[in-house]
Amino acid sequence: MSEDNRKANTDEDNKKPLARLLVVDDDPDIVHVLKHGLLSYGFLVDAFTNPEEVLQTFKSNPEGYRLVLADSWMPSISGMQLAEKVKEVNPNVKVLLLTGSEVRDLGFSKVSPSTNDIVVDGFIQKPVGIGKLTDKILRLIVETKGWTSLKDEP
């Protein structure tokens, strides 16, 4: 293999997305910032302001997404309700809720006492920097498969 071909293959490998995410918040400005920030970190991002559209998109390709990032409080469907519906379709997808309230990750089962199953994999408080958000997303994705890094992905 020539030097040029090796460099081209390396460049292609570096462009491989980290994971495909679904992002939803009822505030279009937040959606815009999240989408472009996460794209800059190497994720594929499908972003919406309507949780019902997210649910339909997810149902059309439930194995295609590694994580759903949703605002916890939205007018038509709350983040917790969306998480429950997404997990019914694919229990392996991770769900991370953005919240304006302080919620400790260990206490999130108290937020939804009506369910015995944990439907949310984590919370992150707004406002949040993209770097911190990306770190949290990567930790959740890596934990999913018991990998030590994303490089372990087949």
N, C-alpha and C. Protein backbone atom coordinates (compact mmCIF):
# COMPACT_ATOMS: atom_id res chain seq x y z
N MET A 1 0.86 -1.18 0.00
CA MET A 1 0.00 0.00 0.00
C MET A 1 0.90 1.23 0.00
N SER A 2 0.57 2.17 -0.85
CA SER A 2 1.38 3.37 -0.95
C SER A 2 1.12 4.29 0.23
N GLU A 3 2.02 5.25 0.43
CA GLU A 3 1.90 6.25 1.50
C GLU A 3 0.58 7.02 1.36
N ASP A 4 0.22 7.39 0.11
CA ASP A 4 -1.02 8.15 -0.11
C ASP A 4 -2.25 7.33 0.28
N ASN A 5 -2.26 6.02 -0.07
CA ASN A 5 -3.40 5.17 0.27
C ASN A 5 -3.52 4.99 1.78
N ARG A 6 -2.36 4.82 2.47
CA ARG A 6 -2.41 4.68 3.94
C ARG A 6 -2.97 5.95 4.58
N LYS A 7 -2.55 7.11 4.07
CA LYS A 7 -3.03 8.37 4.62
C LYS A 7 -4.54 8.51 4.35
N ALA A 8 -4.99 8.13 3.17
CA ALA A 8 -6.42 8.22 2.85
C ALA A 8 -7.23 7.32 3.77
N ASN A 9 -6.75 6.09 4.02
CA ASN A 9 -7.47 5.18 4.92
C ASN A 9 -7.50 5.73 6.34
N THR A 10 -6.41 6.29 6.80
CA THR A 10 -6.37 6.87 8.14
C THR A 10 -7.34 8.03 8.24
N ASP A 11 -7.39 8.88 7.22
CA ASP A 11 -8.32 10.01 7.23
C ASP A 11 -9.76 9.52 7.27
N GLU A 12 -10.08 8.44 6.52
CA GLU A 12 -11.43 7.89 6.53
C GLU A 12 -11.77 7.34 7.90
N ASP A 13 -10.82 6.64 8.55
CA ASP A 13 -11.05 6.09 9.88
C ASP A 13 -11.33 7.20 10.88
N ASN A 14 -10.61 8.31 10.78
CA ASN A 14 -10.80 9.42 11.69
C ASN A 14 -12.14 10.11 11.50
N LYS A 15 -12.73 9.96 10.31
CA LYS A 15 -14.02 10.60 10.03
C LYS A 15 -15.20 9.72 10.42
N LYS A 16 -14.94 8.49 10.83
CA LYS A 16 -16.02 7.59 11.24
C LYS A 16 -16.72 8.20 12.45
N PRO A 17 -18.06 8.33 12.39
CA PRO A 17 -18.77 8.95 13.52
C PRO A 17 -18.65 8.10 14.78
N LEU A 18 -18.65 8.77 15.93
CA LEU A 18 -18.58 8.08 17.21
C LEU A 18 -19.85 7.28 17.46
N ALA A 19 -20.98 7.86 17.17
CA ALA A 19 -22.28 7.20 17.37
C ALA A 19 -23.35 8.08 16.76
N ARG A 20 -24.51 7.49 16.55
CA ARG A 20 -25.66 8.25 16.05
C ARG A 20 -26.58 8.56 17.23
N LEU A 21 -26.94 9.83 17.35
CA LEU A 21 -27.75 10.30 18.47
C LEU A 21 -29.04 10.94 17.98
N LEU A 22 -30.06 10.86 18.82
CA LEU A 22 -31.30 11.62 18.63
C LEU A 22 -31.33 12.68 19.71
N VAL A 23 -31.56 13.92 19.32
CA VAL A 23 -31.59 15.05 20.26
C VAL A 23 -32.93 15.74 20.14
N VAL A 24 -33.55 16.05 21.29
CA VAL A 24 -34.83 16.77 21.27
C VAL A 24 -34.90 17.74 22.45
N ASP A 25 -35.31 18.95 22.11
CA ASP A 25 -35.59 19.99 23.10
C ASP A 25 -36.62 20.89 22.45
N ASP A 26 -37.58 21.40 23.22
CA ASP A 26 -38.61 22.23 22.62
C ASP A 26 -38.11 23.62 22.28
N ASP A 27 -36.91 23.96 22.70
CA ASP A 27 -36.31 25.26 22.37
C ASP A 27 -35.41 25.10 21.14
N PRO A 28 -35.77 25.70 20.00
CA PRO A 28 -34.99 25.53 18.77
C PRO A 28 -33.54 26.02 18.90
N ASP A 29 -33.31 27.04 19.71
CA ASP A 29 -31.94 27.53 19.88
C ASP A 29 -31.07 26.49 20.59
N ILE A 30 -31.63 25.84 21.59
CA ILE A 30 -30.88 24.79 22.30
C ILE A 30 -30.61 23.62 21.36
N VAL A 31 -31.61 23.24 20.57
CA VAL A 31 -31.44 22.15 19.60
C VAL A 31 -30.31 22.49 18.64
N HIS A 32 -30.29 23.70 18.14
CA HIS A 32 -29.26 24.14 17.19
C HIS A 32 -27.86 24.04 17.83
N VAL A 33 -27.72 24.56 19.03
CA VAL A 33 -26.41 24.53 19.71
C VAL A 33 -25.97 23.09 19.99
N LEU A 34 -26.89 22.27 20.50
CA LEU A 34 -26.55 20.88 20.80
C LEU A 34 -26.14 20.13 19.54
N LYS A 35 -26.93 20.27 18.49
CA LYS A 35 -26.65 19.55 17.26
C LYS A 35 -25.27 19.91 16.71
N HIS A 36 -25.01 21.19 16.58
CA HIS A 36 -23.73 21.60 15.99
C HIS A 36 -22.55 21.31 16.90
N GLY A 37 -22.76 21.44 18.19
CA GLY A 37 -21.70 21.09 19.13
C GLY A 37 -21.36 19.62 19.08
N LEU A 38 -22.38 18.77 19.09
CA LEU A 38 -22.14 17.32 19.05
C LEU A 38 -21.59 16.87 17.70
N LEU A 39 -22.03 17.50 16.63
CA LEU A 39 -21.45 17.21 15.31
C LEU A 39 -19.96 17.51 15.30
N SER A 40 -19.57 18.61 15.94
CA SER A 40 -18.15 19.00 15.96
C SER A 40 -17.30 18.00 16.74
N TYR A 41 -17.92 17.23 17.61
CA TYR A 41 -17.20 16.20 18.36
C TYR A 41 -17.22 14.84 17.66
N GLY A 42 -17.86 14.76 16.50
CA GLY A 42 -17.80 13.54 15.71
C GLY A 42 -19.01 12.63 15.80
N PHE A 43 -20.11 13.12 16.35
CA PHE A 43 -21.34 12.33 16.40
C PHE A 43 -22.18 12.60 15.16
N LEU A 44 -23.00 11.63 14.78
CA LEU A 44 -24.08 11.87 13.82
C LEU A 44 -25.27 12.28 14.67
N VAL A 45 -25.95 13.35 14.30
CA VAL A 45 -27.02 13.87 15.14
C VAL A 45 -28.27 14.14 14.31
N ASP A 46 -29.38 13.55 14.75
CA ASP A 46 -30.69 13.90 14.22
C ASP A 46 -31.37 14.69 15.33
N ALA A 47 -31.72 15.94 15.05
CA ALA A 47 -32.23 16.84 16.09
C ALA A 47 -33.64 17.32 15.77
N PHE A 48 -34.44 17.45 16.83
CA PHE A 48 -35.85 17.80 16.70
C PHE A 48 -36.28 18.73 17.82
N THR A 49 -37.39 19.45 17.58
CA THR A 49 -38.01 20.23 18.64
C THR A 49 -39.33 19.59 19.09
N ASN A 50 -39.72 18.52 18.43
CA ASN A 50 -40.97 17.84 18.73
C ASN A 50 -40.69 16.40 19.15
N PRO A 51 -40.98 16.04 20.41
CA PRO A 51 -40.69 14.68 20.87
C PRO A 51 -41.49 13.60 20.15
N GLU A 52 -42.66 13.94 19.64
CA GLU A 52 -43.45 12.95 18.90
C GLU A 52 -42.75 12.58 17.58
N GLU A 53 -42.09 13.55 16.94
CA GLU A 53 -41.32 13.27 15.73
C GLU A 53 -40.11 12.40 16.07
N VAL A 54 -39.50 12.65 17.21
CA VAL A 54 -38.37 11.84 17.66
C VAL A 54 -38.80 10.39 17.81
N LEU A 55 -39.94 10.19 18.45
CA LEU A 55 -40.43 8.84 18.67
C LEU A 55 -40.69 8.12 17.35
N GLN A 56 -41.29 8.81 16.39
CA GLN A 56 -41.54 8.20 15.08
C GLN A 56 -40.22 7.87 14.36
N THR A 57 -39.28 8.79 14.42
CA THR A 57 -37.97 8.55 13.80
C THR A 57 -37.28 7.37 14.45
N PHE A 58 -37.32 7.33 15.77
CA PHE A 58 -36.69 6.22 16.50
C PHE A 58 -37.34 4.88 16.14
N LYS A 59 -38.66 4.85 16.10
CA LYS A 59 -39.37 3.61 15.79
C LYS A 59 -39.05 3.11 14.39
N SER A 60 -38.74 4.02 13.47
CA SER A 60 -38.41 3.61 12.10
C SER A 60 -37.02 2.98 12.01
N ASN A 61 -36.17 3.20 13.02
CA ASN A 61 -34.81 2.65 13.01
C ASN A 61 -34.30 2.50 14.44
N PRO A 62 -34.91 1.65 15.26
CA PRO A 62 -34.56 1.58 16.67
C PRO A 62 -33.15 1.10 16.97
N GLU A 63 -32.56 0.36 16.07
CA GLU A 63 -31.20 -0.13 16.29
C GLU A 63 -30.15 0.85 15.76
N GLY A 64 -30.60 1.89 15.08
CA GLY A 64 -29.68 2.83 14.45
C GLY A 64 -29.15 3.91 15.39
N TYR A 65 -29.73 4.01 16.57
CA TYR A 65 -29.33 5.06 17.51
C TYR A 65 -28.75 4.46 18.77
N ARG A 66 -27.70 5.09 19.26
CA ARG A 66 -27.05 4.63 20.49
C ARG A 66 -27.56 5.37 21.72
N LEU A 67 -28.05 6.62 21.52
CA LEU A 67 -28.45 7.43 22.66
C LEU A 67 -29.49 8.45 22.24
N VAL A 68 -30.45 8.69 23.14
CA VAL A 68 -31.43 9.75 22.96
C VAL A 68 -31.15 10.79 24.04
N LEU A 69 -30.94 12.02 23.60
CA LEU A 69 -30.71 13.15 24.50
C LEU A 69 -31.96 14.02 24.45
N ALA A 70 -32.65 14.15 25.59
CA ALA A 70 -33.94 14.85 25.58
C ALA A 70 -34.05 15.81 26.75
N ASP A 71 -34.75 16.91 26.50
CA ASP A 71 -35.10 17.82 27.57
C ASP A 71 -36.08 17.08 28.49
N SER A 72 -35.96 17.30 29.79
CA SER A 72 -36.83 16.59 30.72
C SER A 72 -38.26 17.14 30.71
N TRP A 73 -38.43 18.44 30.41
CA TRP A 73 -39.76 19.05 30.41
C TRP A 73 -40.08 19.63 29.05
N MET A 74 -41.01 18.96 28.34
CA MET A 74 -41.47 19.43 27.04
C MET A 74 -42.99 19.41 27.07
N PRO A 75 -43.63 20.26 26.27
CA PRO A 75 -45.09 20.40 26.35
C PRO A 75 -45.91 19.14 26.07
N SER A 76 -45.63 18.42 25.00
CA SER A 76 -46.51 17.32 24.63
C SER A 76 -46.13 15.99 25.29
N ILE A 77 -44.86 15.69 25.35
CA ILE A 77 -44.37 14.46 25.96
C ILE A 77 -43.16 14.85 26.81
N SER A 78 -43.15 14.47 28.07
CA SER A 78 -41.98 14.77 28.91
C SER A 78 -40.81 13.89 28.50
N GLY A 79 -39.65 14.27 28.91
CA GLY A 79 -38.46 13.46 28.64
C GLY A 79 -38.58 12.07 29.23
N MET A 80 -39.17 11.97 30.44
CA MET A 80 -39.35 10.67 31.09
C MET A 80 -40.33 9.81 30.29
N GLN A 81 -41.41 10.39 29.81
CA GLN A 81 -42.38 9.63 28.99
C GLN A 81 -41.73 9.17 27.69
N LEU A 82 -40.95 10.06 27.08
CA LEU A 82 -40.25 9.69 25.85
C LEU A 82 -39.28 8.54 26.13
N ALA A 83 -38.56 8.62 27.24
CA ALA A 83 -37.62 7.56 27.61
C ALA A 83 -38.34 6.22 27.75
N GLU A 84 -39.48 6.22 28.42
CA GLU A 84 -40.24 4.98 28.59
C GLU A 84 -40.64 4.38 27.24
N LYS A 85 -41.12 5.24 26.34
CA LYS A 85 -41.57 4.77 25.03
C LYS A 85 -40.40 4.26 24.18
N VAL A 86 -39.28 4.94 24.25
CA VAL A 86 -38.08 4.53 23.50
C VAL A 86 -37.57 3.20 24.03
N LYS A 87 -37.53 3.05 25.34
CA LYS A 87 -37.03 1.81 25.95
C LYS A 87 -37.95 0.63 25.67
N GLU A 88 -39.25 0.88 25.48
CA GLU A 88 -40.17 -0.19 25.10
C GLU A 88 -39.79 -0.76 23.74
N VAL A 89 -39.33 0.10 22.85
CA VAL A 89 -38.97 -0.31 21.49
C VAL A 89 -37.57 -0.93 21.47
N ASN A 90 -36.62 -0.32 22.17
CA ASN A 90 -35.24 -0.83 22.23
C ASN A 90 -34.67 -0.56 23.62
N PRO A 91 -34.72 -1.56 24.51
CA PRO A 91 -34.24 -1.37 25.87
C PRO A 91 -32.75 -1.09 25.97
N ASN A 92 -32.01 -1.33 24.90
CA ASN A 92 -30.56 -1.14 24.93
C ASN A 92 -30.11 0.28 24.64
N VAL A 93 -30.99 1.10 24.09
CA VAL A 93 -30.60 2.47 23.78
C VAL A 93 -30.45 3.24 25.09
N LYS A 94 -29.48 4.11 25.16
CA LYS A 94 -29.26 4.94 26.34
C LYS A 94 -30.11 6.20 26.22
N VAL A 95 -30.61 6.68 27.37
CA VAL A 95 -31.39 7.91 27.40
C VAL A 95 -30.78 8.83 28.45
N LEU A 96 -30.45 10.03 28.01
CA LEU A 96 -29.88 11.05 28.87
C LEU A 96 -30.81 12.25 28.83
N LEU A 97 -31.26 12.69 30.01
CA LEU A 97 -32.17 13.83 30.08
C LEU A 97 -31.44 15.08 30.51
N LEU A 98 -31.76 16.18 29.82
CA LEU A 98 -31.29 17.51 30.19
C LEU A 98 -32.31 18.11 31.12
N THR A 99 -31.86 18.66 32.21
CA THR A 99 -32.79 19.23 33.17
C THR A 99 -32.31 20.58 33.67
N GLY A 100 -33.27 21.45 33.96
CA GLY A 100 -32.95 22.73 34.56
C GLY A 100 -32.89 22.63 36.07
N SER A 101 -33.32 21.48 36.60
CA SER A 101 -33.31 21.24 38.04
C SER A 101 -32.14 20.35 38.40
N GLU A 102 -31.72 20.44 39.64
CA GLU A 102 -30.64 19.57 40.09
C GLU A 102 -31.22 18.20 40.42
N VAL A 103 -30.70 17.18 39.76
CA VAL A 103 -31.11 15.81 40.01
C VAL A 103 -29.84 14.98 40.07
N ARG A 104 -29.69 14.26 41.11
CA ARG A 104 -28.53 13.37 41.25
C ARG A 104 -28.80 12.09 40.47
N ASP A 105 -27.78 11.61 39.73
CA ASP A 105 -27.94 10.39 38.94
C ASP A 105 -28.45 9.23 39.79
N LEU A 106 -27.97 9.10 41.02
CA LEU A 106 -28.37 7.98 41.85
C LEU A 106 -29.81 8.11 42.34
N GLY A 107 -30.37 9.30 42.29
CA GLY A 107 -31.73 9.49 42.77
C GLY A 107 -32.76 9.55 41.68
N PHE A 108 -32.40 9.27 40.43
CA PHE A 108 -33.37 9.49 39.36
C PHE A 108 -34.51 8.51 39.37
N SER A 109 -34.39 7.37 40.03
CA SER A 109 -35.52 6.44 40.09
C SER A 109 -36.67 7.06 40.89
N LYS A 110 -36.37 7.99 41.78
CA LYS A 110 -37.41 8.66 42.55
C LYS A 110 -38.22 9.62 41.69
N VAL A 111 -37.66 10.05 40.56
CA VAL A 111 -38.37 10.96 39.67
C VAL A 111 -39.54 10.24 39.01
N SER A 112 -39.39 8.96 38.80
CA SER A 112 -40.44 8.17 38.16
C SER A 112 -40.79 6.97 39.03
N PRO A 113 -41.46 7.19 40.16
CA PRO A 113 -41.74 6.09 41.07
C PRO A 113 -42.77 5.10 40.54
N SER A 114 -43.48 5.47 39.47
CA SER A 114 -44.52 4.59 38.94
C SER A 114 -43.95 3.40 38.17
N THR A 115 -42.68 3.43 37.90
CA THR A 115 -42.08 2.34 37.13
C THR A 115 -41.00 1.65 37.94
N ASN A 116 -40.94 0.35 37.84
CA ASN A 116 -39.90 -0.41 38.53
C ASN A 116 -38.63 -0.45 37.70
N ASP A 117 -38.76 -0.28 36.41
CA ASP A 117 -37.60 -0.31 35.53
C ASP A 117 -36.98 1.08 35.44
N ILE A 118 -35.68 1.10 35.40
CA ILE A 118 -34.99 2.38 35.22
C ILE A 118 -35.00 2.69 33.74
N VAL A 119 -35.65 3.78 33.37
CA VAL A 119 -35.79 4.11 31.96
C VAL A 119 -34.82 5.20 31.53
N VAL A 120 -34.21 5.87 32.48
CA VAL A 120 -33.28 6.94 32.16
C VAL A 120 -31.90 6.52 32.65
N ASP A 121 -30.92 6.69 31.79
CA ASP A 121 -29.56 6.27 32.13
C ASP A 121 -28.74 7.37 32.78
N GLY A 122 -29.26 8.60 32.73
CA GLY A 122 -28.55 9.69 33.39
C GLY A 122 -29.24 11.02 33.16
N PHE A 123 -28.83 11.96 33.97
CA PHE A 123 -29.31 13.33 33.87
C PHE A 123 -28.11 14.24 33.75
N ILE A 124 -28.30 15.36 33.09
CA ILE A 124 -27.25 16.38 33.06
C ILE A 124 -27.95 17.72 33.18
N GLN A 125 -27.39 18.57 34.01
CA GLN A 125 -28.04 19.83 34.32
C GLN A 125 -27.67 20.91 33.31
N LYS A 126 -28.71 21.67 32.88
CA LYS A 126 -28.50 22.81 32.00
C LYS A 126 -28.16 24.02 32.87
N PRO A 127 -27.39 24.93 32.38
CA PRO A 127 -26.65 24.87 31.12
C PRO A 127 -25.44 23.95 31.26
N VAL A 128 -25.07 23.35 30.15
CA VAL A 128 -23.94 22.43 30.14
C VAL A 128 -23.06 22.74 28.93
N GLY A 129 -21.78 22.66 29.13
CA GLY A 129 -20.84 22.81 28.01
C GLY A 129 -20.84 21.56 27.15
N ILE A 130 -20.56 21.73 25.88
CA ILE A 130 -20.56 20.59 24.96
C ILE A 130 -19.49 19.57 25.36
N GLY A 131 -18.35 20.02 25.85
CA GLY A 131 -17.30 19.09 26.27
C GLY A 131 -17.78 18.18 27.39
N LYS A 132 -18.41 18.75 28.40
CA LYS A 132 -18.92 17.96 29.53
C LYS A 132 -20.04 17.03 29.06
N LEU A 133 -20.91 17.52 28.20
CA LEU A 133 -22.00 16.71 27.67
C LEU A 133 -21.45 15.54 26.86
N THR A 134 -20.46 15.81 26.02
CA THR A 134 -19.84 14.76 25.22
C THR A 134 -19.20 13.70 26.10
N ASP A 135 -18.51 14.12 27.15
CA ASP A 135 -17.90 13.15 28.07
C ASP A 135 -18.96 12.23 28.68
N LYS A 136 -20.07 12.80 29.10
CA LYS A 136 -21.16 12.02 29.70
C LYS A 136 -21.73 11.04 28.68
N ILE A 137 -21.97 11.51 27.46
CA ILE A 137 -22.50 10.65 26.40
C ILE A 137 -21.54 9.51 26.11
N LEU A 138 -20.26 9.82 25.98
CA LEU A 138 -19.28 8.78 25.69
C LEU A 138 -19.22 7.74 26.81
N ARG A 139 -19.27 8.18 28.06
CA ARG A 139 -19.26 7.23 29.18
C ARG A 139 -20.46 6.30 29.10
N LEU A 140 -21.63 6.84 28.81
CA LEU A 140 -22.83 6.00 28.71
C LEU A 140 -22.74 5.01 27.56
N ILE A 141 -22.25 5.46 26.42
CA ILE A 141 -22.14 4.58 25.26
C ILE A 141 -21.13 3.47 25.50
N VAL A 142 -20.01 3.81 26.08
CA VAL A 142 -18.97 2.81 26.35
C VAL A 142 -19.48 1.79 27.36
N GLU A 143 -20.19 2.23 28.41
CA GLU A 143 -20.76 1.32 29.41
C GLU A 143 -21.73 0.33 28.79
N THR A 144 -22.42 0.73 27.74
CA THR A 144 -23.44 -0.10 27.11
C THR A 144 -22.90 -1.47 26.76
N LYS A 145 -21.74 -1.51 26.18
CA LYS A 145 -21.18 -2.75 25.69
C LYS A 145 -20.07 -3.30 26.58
N GLY A 146 -19.78 -2.61 27.68
CA GLY A 146 -18.69 -3.05 28.52
C GLY A 146 -17.33 -2.81 27.88
N TRP A 147 -17.26 -1.89 26.95
CA TRP A 147 -16.01 -1.59 26.29
C TRP A 147 -15.14 -0.75 27.22
N THR A 148 -13.87 -0.71 26.91
CA THR A 148 -12.98 0.20 27.63
C THR A 148 -12.84 1.50 26.86
N SER A 149 -13.18 1.47 25.57
CA SER A 149 -13.16 2.68 24.76
C SER A 149 -14.03 2.44 23.53
N LEU A 150 -14.28 3.49 22.77
CA LEU A 150 -15.07 3.34 21.55
C LEU A 150 -14.31 2.55 20.48
N LYS A 151 -13.01 2.44 20.62
CA LYS A 151 -12.22 1.69 19.64
C LYS A 151 -12.52 0.20 19.71
N ASP A 152 -13.15 -0.25 20.83
CA ASP A 152 -13.52 -1.65 20.96
C ASP A 152 -14.73 -2.01 20.12
N GLU A 153 -15.43 -0.99 19.59
CA GLU A 153 -16.64 -1.25 18.82
C GLU A 153 -16.31 -2.03 17.55
N PRO A 154 -17.11 -3.05 17.26
CA PRO A 154 -16.84 -3.85 16.04
C PRO A 154 -17.07 -3.06 14.78
